[in-house]
PDB file of N, CA and C in Angstrom:
ATOM      1  N   UNK A   1      19.472 158.699   0.699  1.00  0.00           N
ATOM      2  CA  UNK A   1      20.276 159.679   1.409  1.00  0.00           C
ATOM      3  C   UNK A   1      20.735 159.131   2.766  1.00  0.00           C
ATOM      4  N   UNK A   2      19.810 158.518   3.502  1.00  0.00           N
ATOM      5  CA  UNK A   2      20.153 157.952   4.809  1.00  0.00           C
ATOM      6  C   UNK A   2      21.238 156.889   4.668  1.00  0.00           C
ATOM      7  N   UNK A   3      21.125 156.078   3.642  1.00  0.00           N
ATOM      8  CA  UNK A   3      22.116 155.027   3.417  1.00  0.00           C
ATOM      9  C   UNK A   3      23.501 155.632   3.157  1.00  0.00           C
ATOM     10  N   UNK A   4      23.563 156.729   2.415  1.00  0.00           N
ATOM     11  CA  UNK A   4      24.837 157.410   2.151  1.00  0.00           C
ATOM     12  C   UNK A   4      25.463 157.914   3.437  1.00  0.00           C
ATOM     13  N   UNK A   5      24.631 158.479   4.315  1.00  0.00           N
ATOM     14  CA  UNK A   5      25.135 158.964   5.604  1.00  0.00           C
ATOM     15  C   UNK A   5      25.660 157.810   6.446  1.00  0.00           C
ATOM     16  N   UNK A   6      24.939 156.695   6.424  1.00  0.00           N
ATOM     17  CA  UNK A   6      25.352 155.515   7.187  1.00  0.00           C
ATOM     18  C   UNK A   6      26.685 154.974   6.661  1.00  0.00           C
ATOM     19  N   UNK A   7      26.823 154.933   5.343  1.00  0.00           N
ATOM     20  CA  UNK A   7      28.080 154.458   4.757  1.00  0.00           C
ATOM     21  C   UNK A   7      29.242 155.386   5.097  1.00  0.00           C
ATOM     22  N   UNK A   8      28.979 156.673   5.094  1.00  0.00           N
ATOM     23  CA  UNK A   8      30.028 157.637   5.438  1.00  0.00           C
ATOM     24  C   UNK A   8      30.455 157.461   6.899  1.00  0.00           C
ATOM     25  N   UNK A   9      29.475 157.301   7.788  1.00  0.00           N
ATOM     26  CA  UNK A   9      29.796 157.090   9.200  1.00  0.00           C
ATOM     27  C   UNK A   9      30.571 155.790   9.382  1.00  0.00           C
ATOM     28  N   UNK A  10      30.172 154.745   8.681  1.00  0.00           N
ATOM     29  CA  UNK A  10      30.877 153.465   8.761  1.00  0.00           C
ATOM     30  C   UNK A  10      32.338 153.633   8.338  1.00  0.00           C
ATOM     31  N   UNK A  11      32.556 154.355   7.254  1.00  0.00           N
ATOM     32  CA  UNK A  11      33.918 154.581   6.767  1.00  0.00           C
ATOM     33  C   UNK A  11      34.745 155.379   7.777  1.00  0.00           C
ATOM     34  N   UNK A  12      34.135 156.392   8.381  1.00  0.00           N
ATOM     35  CA  UNK A  12      34.840 157.199   9.384  1.00  0.00           C
ATOM     36  C   UNK A  12      35.210 156.359  10.608  1.00  0.00           C
ATOM     37  N   UNK A  13      34.258 155.556  11.072  1.00  0.00           N
ATOM     38  CA  UNK A  13      34.523 154.708  12.245  1.00  0.00           C
ATOM     39  C   UNK A  13      35.620 153.694  11.914  1.00  0.00           C
ATOM     40  N   UNK A  14      35.561 153.103  10.738  1.00  0.00           N
ATOM     41  CA  UNK A  14      36.586 152.123  10.340  1.00  0.00           C
ATOM     42  C   UNK A  14      37.969 152.774  10.296  1.00  0.00           C
ATOM     43  N   UNK A  15      38.066 153.959   9.728  1.00  0.00           N
ATOM     44  CA  UNK A  15      39.351 154.653   9.668  1.00  0.00           C
ATOM     45  C   UNK A  15      39.865 154.997  11.071  1.00  0.00           C
ATOM     46  N   UNK A  16      38.958 155.440  11.924  1.00  0.00           N
ATOM     47  CA  UNK A  16      39.367 155.800  13.288  1.00  0.00           C
ATOM     48  C   UNK A  16      39.748 154.565  14.103  1.00  0.00           C
ATOM     49  N   UNK A  17      39.085 153.442  13.855  1.00  0.00           N
ATOM     50  CA  UNK A  17      39.460 152.199  14.536  1.00  0.00           C
ATOM     51  C   UNK A  17      40.869 151.771  14.130  1.00  0.00           C
ATOM     52  N   UNK A  18      41.197 151.908  12.854  1.00  0.00           N
ATOM     53  CA  UNK A  18      42.552 151.589  12.392  1.00  0.00           C
ATOM     54  C   UNK A  18      43.571 152.471  13.101  1.00  0.00           C
ATOM     55  N   UNK A  19      43.260 153.759  13.195  1.00  0.00           N
ATOM     56  CA  UNK A  19      44.160 154.693  13.884  1.00  0.00           C
ATOM     57  C   UNK A  19      44.312 154.311  15.359  1.00  0.00           C
ATOM     58  N   UNK A  20      43.199 153.972  15.990  1.00  0.00           N
ATOM     59  CA  UNK A  20      43.232 153.607  17.414  1.00  0.00           C
ATOM     60  C   UNK A  20      44.070 152.350  17.628  1.00  0.00           C
ATOM     61  N   UNK A  21      43.917 151.356  16.764  1.00  0.00           N
ATOM     62  CA  UNK A  21      44.721 150.134  16.885  1.00  0.00           C
ATOM     63  C   UNK A  21      46.213 150.456  16.745  1.00  0.00           C
ATOM     64  N   UNK A  22      46.545 151.314  15.815  1.00  0.00           N
ATOM     65  CA  UNK A  22      47.954 151.703  15.628  1.00  0.00           C
ATOM     66  C   UNK A  22      48.487 152.419  16.862  1.00  0.00           C
ATOM     67  N   UNK A  23      47.687 153.302  17.408  1.00  0.00           N
ATOM     68  CA  UNK A  23      48.118 154.035  18.598  1.00  0.00           C
ATOM     69  C   UNK A  23      48.327 153.103  19.786  1.00  0.00           C
ATOM     70  N   UNK A  24      47.423 152.151  19.966  1.00  0.00           N
ATOM     71  CA  UNK A  24      47.546 151.210  21.084  1.00  0.00           C
ATOM     72  C   UNK A  24      48.809 150.354  20.910  1.00  0.00           C
ATOM     73  N   UNK A  25      49.066 149.896  19.689  1.00  0.00           N
ATOM     74  CA  UNK A  25      50.277 149.097  19.448  1.00  0.00           C
ATOM     75  C   UNK A  25      51.552 149.887  19.752  1.00  0.00           C
ATOM     76  N   UNK A  26      51.529 151.192  19.506  1.00  0.00           N
ATOM     77  CA  UNK A  26      52.723 152.020  19.678  1.00  0.00           C
ATOM     78  C   UNK A  26      52.960 152.461  21.125  1.00  0.00           C
ATOM     79  N   UNK A  27      51.975 152.286  21.992  1.00  0.00           N
ATOM     80  CA  UNK A  27      52.121 152.748  23.373  1.00  0.00           C
ATOM     81  C   UNK A  27      53.202 151.968  24.110  1.00  0.00           C
ATOM     82  N   UNK A  28      53.938 152.673  24.929  1.00  0.00           N
ATOM     83  CA  UNK A  28      54.933 152.061  25.805  1.00  0.00           C
ATOM     84  C   UNK A  28      54.278 151.860  27.174  1.00  0.00           C
ATOM     85  N   UNK A  29      53.472 150.818  27.276  1.00  0.00           N
ATOM     86  CA  UNK A  29      52.738 150.516  28.509  1.00  0.00           C
ATOM     87  C   UNK A  29      52.892 149.035  28.815  1.00  0.00           C
ATOM     88  N   UNK A  30      52.622 148.632  30.073  1.00  0.00           N
ATOM     89  CA  UNK A  30      52.676 147.202  30.400  1.00  0.00           C
ATOM     90  C   UNK A  30      51.704 146.401  29.531  1.00  0.00           C
ATOM     91  N   UNK A  31      52.019 145.156  29.326  1.00  0.00           N
ATOM     92  CA  UNK A  31      51.222 144.296  28.458  1.00  0.00           C
ATOM     93  C   UNK A  31      49.771 144.198  28.927  1.00  0.00           C
ATOM     94  N   UNK A  32      49.535 144.181  30.235  1.00  0.00           N
ATOM     95  CA  UNK A  32      48.167 144.121  30.753  1.00  0.00           C
ATOM     96  C   UNK A  32      47.338 145.323  30.336  1.00  0.00           C
ATOM     97  N   UNK A  33      47.953 146.488  30.309  1.00  0.00           N
ATOM     98  CA  UNK A  33      47.259 147.707  29.882  1.00  0.00           C
ATOM     99  C   UNK A  33      46.952 147.618  28.387  1.00  0.00           C
ATOM    100  N   UNK A  34      47.928 147.172  27.618  1.00  0.00           N
ATOM    101  CA  UNK A  34      47.722 147.036  26.172  1.00  0.00           C
ATOM    102  C   UNK A  34      46.587 146.041  25.886  1.00  0.00           C
ATOM    103  N   UNK A  35      46.532 144.953  26.639  1.00  0.00           N
ATOM    104  CA  UNK A  35      45.472 143.956  26.445  1.00  0.00           C
ATOM    105  C   UNK A  35      44.107 144.554  26.789  1.00  0.00           C
ATOM    106  N   UNK A  36      44.029 145.331  27.859  1.00  0.00           N
ATOM    107  CA  UNK A  36      42.760 145.961  28.247  1.00  0.00           C
ATOM    108  C   UNK A  36      42.299 146.942  27.167  1.00  0.00           C
ATOM    109  N   UNK A  37      43.228 147.700  26.623  1.00  0.00           N
ATOM    110  CA  UNK A  37      42.881 148.632  25.542  1.00  0.00           C
ATOM    111  C   UNK A  37      42.444 147.873  24.293  1.00  0.00           C
ATOM    112  N   UNK A  38      43.105 146.780  24.004  1.00  0.00           N
ATOM    113  CA  UNK A  38      42.727 145.968  22.848  1.00  0.00           C
ATOM    114  C   UNK A  38      41.323 145.394  23.023  1.00  0.00           C
ATOM    115  N   UNK A  39      40.981 144.993  24.247  1.00  0.00           N
ATOM    116  CA  UNK A  39      39.623 144.498  24.516  1.00  0.00           C
ATOM    117  C   UNK A  39      38.592 145.601  24.282  1.00  0.00           C
ATOM    118  N   UNK A  40      38.931 146.816  24.698  1.00  0.00           N
ATOM    119  CA  UNK A  40      38.018 147.942  24.463  1.00  0.00           C
ATOM    120  C   UNK A  40      37.814 148.165  22.967  1.00  0.00           C
ATOM    121  N   UNK A  41      38.886 148.043  22.203  1.00  0.00           N
ATOM    122  CA  UNK A  41      38.766 148.191  20.755  1.00  0.00           C
ATOM    123  C   UNK A  41      37.911 147.087  20.151  1.00  0.00           C
ATOM    124  N   UNK A  42      38.020 145.882  20.682  1.00  0.00           N
ATOM    125  CA  UNK A  42      37.175 144.783  20.201  1.00  0.00           C
ATOM    126  C   UNK A  42      35.700 145.036  20.507  1.00  0.00           C
ATOM    127  N   UNK A  43      35.424 145.628  21.665  1.00  0.00           N
ATOM    128  CA  UNK A  43      34.045 145.968  22.021  1.00  0.00           C
ATOM    129  C   UNK A  43      33.498 147.002  21.040  1.00  0.00           C
ATOM    130  N   UNK A  44      34.303 148.006  20.717  1.00  0.00           N
ATOM    131  CA  UNK A  44      33.869 149.023  19.758  1.00  0.00           C
ATOM    132  C   UNK A  44      33.607 148.387  18.390  1.00  0.00           C
ATOM    133  N   UNK A  45      34.495 147.505  17.979  1.00  0.00           N
ATOM    134  CA  UNK A  45      34.334 146.826  16.694  1.00  0.00           C
ATOM    135  C   UNK A  45      33.037 146.012  16.665  1.00  0.00           C
ATOM    136  N   UNK A  46      32.776 145.288  17.744  1.00  0.00           N
ATOM    137  CA  UNK A  46      31.542 144.499  17.823  1.00  0.00           C
ATOM    138  C   UNK A  46      30.320 145.410  17.830  1.00  0.00           C
ATOM    139  N   UNK A  47      30.398 146.521  18.543  1.00  0.00           N
ATOM    140  CA  UNK A  47      29.271 147.460  18.592  1.00  0.00           C
ATOM    141  C   UNK A  47      28.979 148.032  17.217  1.00  0.00           C
ATOM    142  N   UNK A  48      30.021 148.236  16.422  1.00  0.00           N
ATOM    143  CA  UNK A  48      29.842 148.815  15.085  1.00  0.00           C
ATOM    144  C   UNK A  48      28.982 147.919  14.188  1.00  0.00           C
ATOM    145  N   UNK A  49      28.959 146.646  14.476  1.00  0.00           N
ATOM    146  CA  UNK A  49      28.159 145.727  13.665  1.00  0.00           C
ATOM    147  C   UNK A  49      26.661 145.856  13.946  1.00  0.00           C
ATOM    148  N   UNK A  50      26.313 146.407  15.126  1.00  0.00           N
ATOM    149  CA  UNK A  50      24.920 146.460  15.537  1.00  0.00           C
ATOM    150  C   UNK A  50      24.395 147.877  15.710  1.00  0.00           C
ATOM    151  N   UNK A  51      25.257 148.778  16.152  1.00  0.00           N
ATOM    152  CA  UNK A  51      24.837 150.158  16.424  1.00  0.00           C
ATOM    153  C   UNK A  51      26.014 151.074  16.136  1.00  0.00           C
ATOM    154  N   UNK A  52      26.064 151.563  14.929  1.00  0.00           N
ATOM    155  CA  UNK A  52      27.203 152.346  14.468  1.00  0.00           C
ATOM    156  C   UNK A  52      27.367 153.640  15.255  1.00  0.00           C
ATOM    157  N   UNK A  53      26.272 154.295  15.579  1.00  0.00           N
ATOM    158  CA  UNK A  53      26.352 155.546  16.338  1.00  0.00           C
ATOM    159  C   UNK A  53      26.929 155.300  17.731  1.00  0.00           C
ATOM    160  N   UNK A  54      26.512 154.212  18.377  1.00  0.00           N
ATOM    161  CA  UNK A  54      27.051 153.864  19.694  1.00  0.00           C
ATOM    162  C   UNK A  54      28.541 153.552  19.586  1.00  0.00           C
ATOM    163  N   UNK A  55      28.924 152.851  18.558  1.00  0.00           N
ATOM    164  CA  UNK A  55      30.342 152.531  18.363  1.00  0.00           C
ATOM    165  C   UNK A  55      31.159 153.805  18.192  1.00  0.00           C
ATOM    166  N   UNK A  56      30.635 154.757  17.439  1.00  0.00           N
ATOM    167  CA  UNK A  56      31.340 156.029  17.246  1.00  0.00           C
ATOM    168  C   UNK A  56      31.501 156.762  18.568  1.00  0.00           C
ATOM    169  N   UNK A  57      30.471 156.738  19.405  1.00  0.00           N
ATOM    170  CA  UNK A  57      30.539 157.386  20.719  1.00  0.00           C
ATOM    171  C   UNK A  57      31.566 156.701  21.612  1.00  0.00           C
ATOM    172  N   UNK A  58      31.548 155.375  21.631  1.00  0.00           N
ATOM    173  CA  UNK A  58      32.529 154.625  22.433  1.00  0.00           C
ATOM    174  C   UNK A  58      33.950 154.910  21.956  1.00  0.00           C
ATOM    175  N   UNK A  59      34.122 154.978  20.645  1.00  0.00           N
ATOM    176  CA  UNK A  59      35.444 155.243  20.085  1.00  0.00           C
ATOM    177  C   UNK A  59      35.896 156.658  20.431  1.00  0.00           C
ATOM    178  N   UNK A  60      34.981 157.620  20.410  1.00  0.00           N
ATOM    179  CA  UNK A  60      35.313 158.986  20.822  1.00  0.00           C
ATOM    180  C   UNK A  60      35.863 159.001  22.246  1.00  0.00           C
ATOM    181  N   UNK A  61      35.178 158.290  23.152  1.00  0.00           N
ATOM    182  CA  UNK A  61      35.620 158.240  24.549  1.00  0.00           C
ATOM    183  C   UNK A  61      36.992 157.592  24.672  1.00  0.00           C
ATOM    184  N   UNK A  62      37.187 156.495  23.960  1.00  0.00           N
ATOM    185  CA  UNK A  62      38.467 155.789  24.024  1.00  0.00           C
ATOM    186  C   UNK A  62      39.596 156.665  23.495  1.00  0.00           C
ATOM    187  N   UNK A  63      39.363 157.328  22.362  1.00  0.00           N
ATOM    188  CA  UNK A  63      40.397 158.191  21.789  1.00  0.00           C
ATOM    189  C   UNK A  63      40.708 159.358  22.722  1.00  0.00           C
ATOM    190  N   UNK A  64      39.687 159.912  23.372  1.00  0.00           N
ATOM    191  CA  UNK A  64      39.905 161.003  24.319  1.00  0.00           C
ATOM    192  C   UNK A  64      40.759 160.509  25.487  1.00  0.00           C
ATOM    193  N   UNK A  65      40.457 159.315  25.993  1.00  0.00           N
ATOM    194  CA  UNK A  65      41.270 158.745  27.075  1.00  0.00           C
ATOM    195  C   UNK A  65      42.720 158.574  26.634  1.00  0.00           C
ATOM    196  N   UNK A  66      42.935 158.083  25.413  1.00  0.00           N
ATOM    197  CA  UNK A  66      44.298 157.925  24.904  1.00  0.00           C
ATOM    198  C   UNK A  66      44.992 159.277  24.795  1.00  0.00           C
ATOM    199  N   UNK A  67      44.272 160.271  24.267  1.00  0.00           N
ATOM    200  CA  UNK A  67      44.846 161.611  24.119  1.00  0.00           C
ATOM    201  C   UNK A  67      45.263 162.201  25.463  1.00  0.00           C
ATOM    202  N   UNK A  68      44.481 161.910  26.495  1.00  0.00           N
ATOM    203  CA  UNK A  68      44.731 162.482  27.822  1.00  0.00           C
ATOM    204  C   UNK A  68      45.579 161.572  28.706  1.00  0.00           C
ATOM    205  N   UNK A  69      46.043 160.459  28.156  1.00  0.00           N
ATOM    206  CA  UNK A  69      46.915 159.568  28.912  1.00  0.00           C
ATOM    207  C   UNK A  69      46.212 158.768  29.989  1.00  0.00           C
ATOM    208  N   UNK A  70      44.906 158.601  29.859  1.00  0.00           N
ATOM    209  CA  UNK A  70      44.146 157.795  30.825  1.00  0.00           C
ATOM    210  C   UNK A  70      44.060 156.375  30.290  1.00  0.00           C
ATOM    211  N   UNK A  71      44.687 155.473  31.001  1.00  0.00           N
ATOM    212  CA  UNK A  71      44.713 154.072  30.584  1.00  0.00           C
ATOM    213  C   UNK A  71      44.127 153.197  31.677  1.00  0.00           C
ATOM    214  N   UNK A  72      43.584 152.027  31.302  1.00  0.00           N
ATOM    215  CA  UNK A  72      43.070 151.095  32.323  1.00  0.00           C
ATOM    216  C   UNK A  72      44.211 150.609  33.215  1.00  0.00           C
ATOM    217  N   UNK A  73      43.845 150.162  34.387  1.00  0.00           N
ATOM    218  CA  UNK A  73      44.835 149.631  35.322  1.00  0.00           C
ATOM    219  C   UNK A  73      45.402 148.326  34.782  1.00  0.00           C
ATOM    220  N   UNK A  74      46.672 148.080  35.066  1.00  0.00           N
ATOM    221  CA  UNK A  74      47.319 146.817  34.714  1.00  0.00           C
ATOM    222  C   UNK A  74      46.847 145.761  35.690  1.00  0.00           C
ATOM    223  N   UNK A  75      46.259 144.676  35.167  1.00  0.00           N
ATOM    224  CA  UNK A  75      45.723 143.609  36.055  1.00  0.00           C
ATOM    225  C   UNK A  75      46.828 142.709  36.535  1.00  0.00           C
TER     226      UNK A  75
END
Protein backbone atom coordinates (compact mmCIF):
# COMPACT_ATOMS: atom_id res chain seq x y z
CA UNK A 1 0.00 0.00 0.00
CA UNK A 2 2.79 2.44 0.92
CA UNK A 3 4.52 1.73 -2.37
CA UNK A 4 1.30 2.54 -4.28
CA UNK A 5 1.02 5.87 -2.48
CA UNK A 6 4.67 6.64 -3.25
CA UNK A 7 4.17 5.83 -6.93
CA UNK A 8 1.08 8.01 -7.08
CA UNK A 9 2.94 10.92 -5.48
CA UNK A 10 5.84 10.42 -7.89
CA UNK A 11 3.45 10.55 -10.85
CA UNK A 12 1.77 13.71 -9.53
CA UNK A 13 5.11 15.45 -8.96
CA UNK A 14 6.33 14.43 -12.43
CA UNK A 15 3.18 15.79 -14.07
CA UNK A 16 3.39 19.04 -12.11
CA UNK A 17 7.08 19.43 -12.98
CA UNK A 18 6.20 19.13 -16.67
CA UNK A 19 3.53 21.80 -16.22
CA UNK A 20 5.96 24.06 -14.34
CA UNK A 21 8.60 23.72 -17.07
CA UNK A 22 6.01 24.65 -19.71
CA UNK A 23 4.89 27.66 -17.71
CA UNK A 24 8.45 28.89 -17.22
CA UNK A 25 9.19 28.53 -20.95
CA UNK A 26 6.06 30.55 -21.79
CA UNK A 27 6.83 33.46 -19.45
CA UNK A 28 7.67 36.81 -20.98
CA UNK A 29 10.51 37.63 -18.58
CA UNK A 30 14.20 38.54 -18.94
CA UNK A 31 16.49 35.61 -19.64
CA UNK A 32 18.14 35.91 -16.20
CA UNK A 33 14.78 35.40 -14.50
CA UNK A 34 13.99 32.42 -16.72
CA UNK A 35 17.39 30.89 -15.88
CA UNK A 36 16.80 31.37 -12.13
CA UNK A 37 13.40 29.70 -12.41
CA UNK A 38 14.92 26.86 -14.41
CA UNK A 39 17.54 26.36 -11.67
CA UNK A 40 14.75 26.15 -9.11
CA UNK A 41 13.06 23.49 -11.22
CA UNK A 42 16.32 21.55 -11.39
CA UNK A 43 16.58 21.67 -7.60
CA UNK A 44 13.05 20.28 -7.29
CA UNK A 45 13.88 17.55 -9.80
CA UNK A 46 17.01 16.60 -7.86
CA UNK A 47 15.10 16.63 -4.57
CA UNK A 48 12.51 14.26 -6.04
CA UNK A 49 15.20 11.62 -6.40
CA UNK A 50 15.92 11.64 -2.65
CA UNK A 51 12.88 13.05 -0.85
CA UNK A 52 9.68 13.06 -2.83
CA UNK A 53 7.61 14.80 -0.15
CA UNK A 54 10.15 17.63 0.09
CA UNK A 55 10.16 17.97 -3.69
CA UNK A 56 6.37 18.23 -3.70
CA UNK A 57 6.52 20.97 -1.06
CA UNK A 58 9.19 22.90 -2.98
CA UNK A 59 7.15 22.57 -6.17
CA UNK A 60 4.03 23.83 -4.37
CA UNK A 61 5.94 26.96 -3.30
CA UNK A 62 7.35 27.52 -6.78
CA UNK A 63 3.95 27.12 -8.44
CA UNK A 64 2.39 29.51 -5.92
CA UNK A 65 5.10 32.09 -6.70
CA UNK A 66 4.41 31.68 -10.43
CA UNK A 67 0.66 32.02 -9.86
CA UNK A 68 1.18 35.22 -7.86
CA UNK A 69 3.72 36.70 -10.27
CA UNK A 70 6.63 36.52 -7.82
CA UNK A 71 9.80 35.89 -9.76
CA UNK A 72 13.49 35.92 -8.76
CA UNK A 73 15.47 39.05 -9.47
CA UNK A 74 17.26 39.29 -12.81
CA UNK A 75 21.01 38.97 -12.10
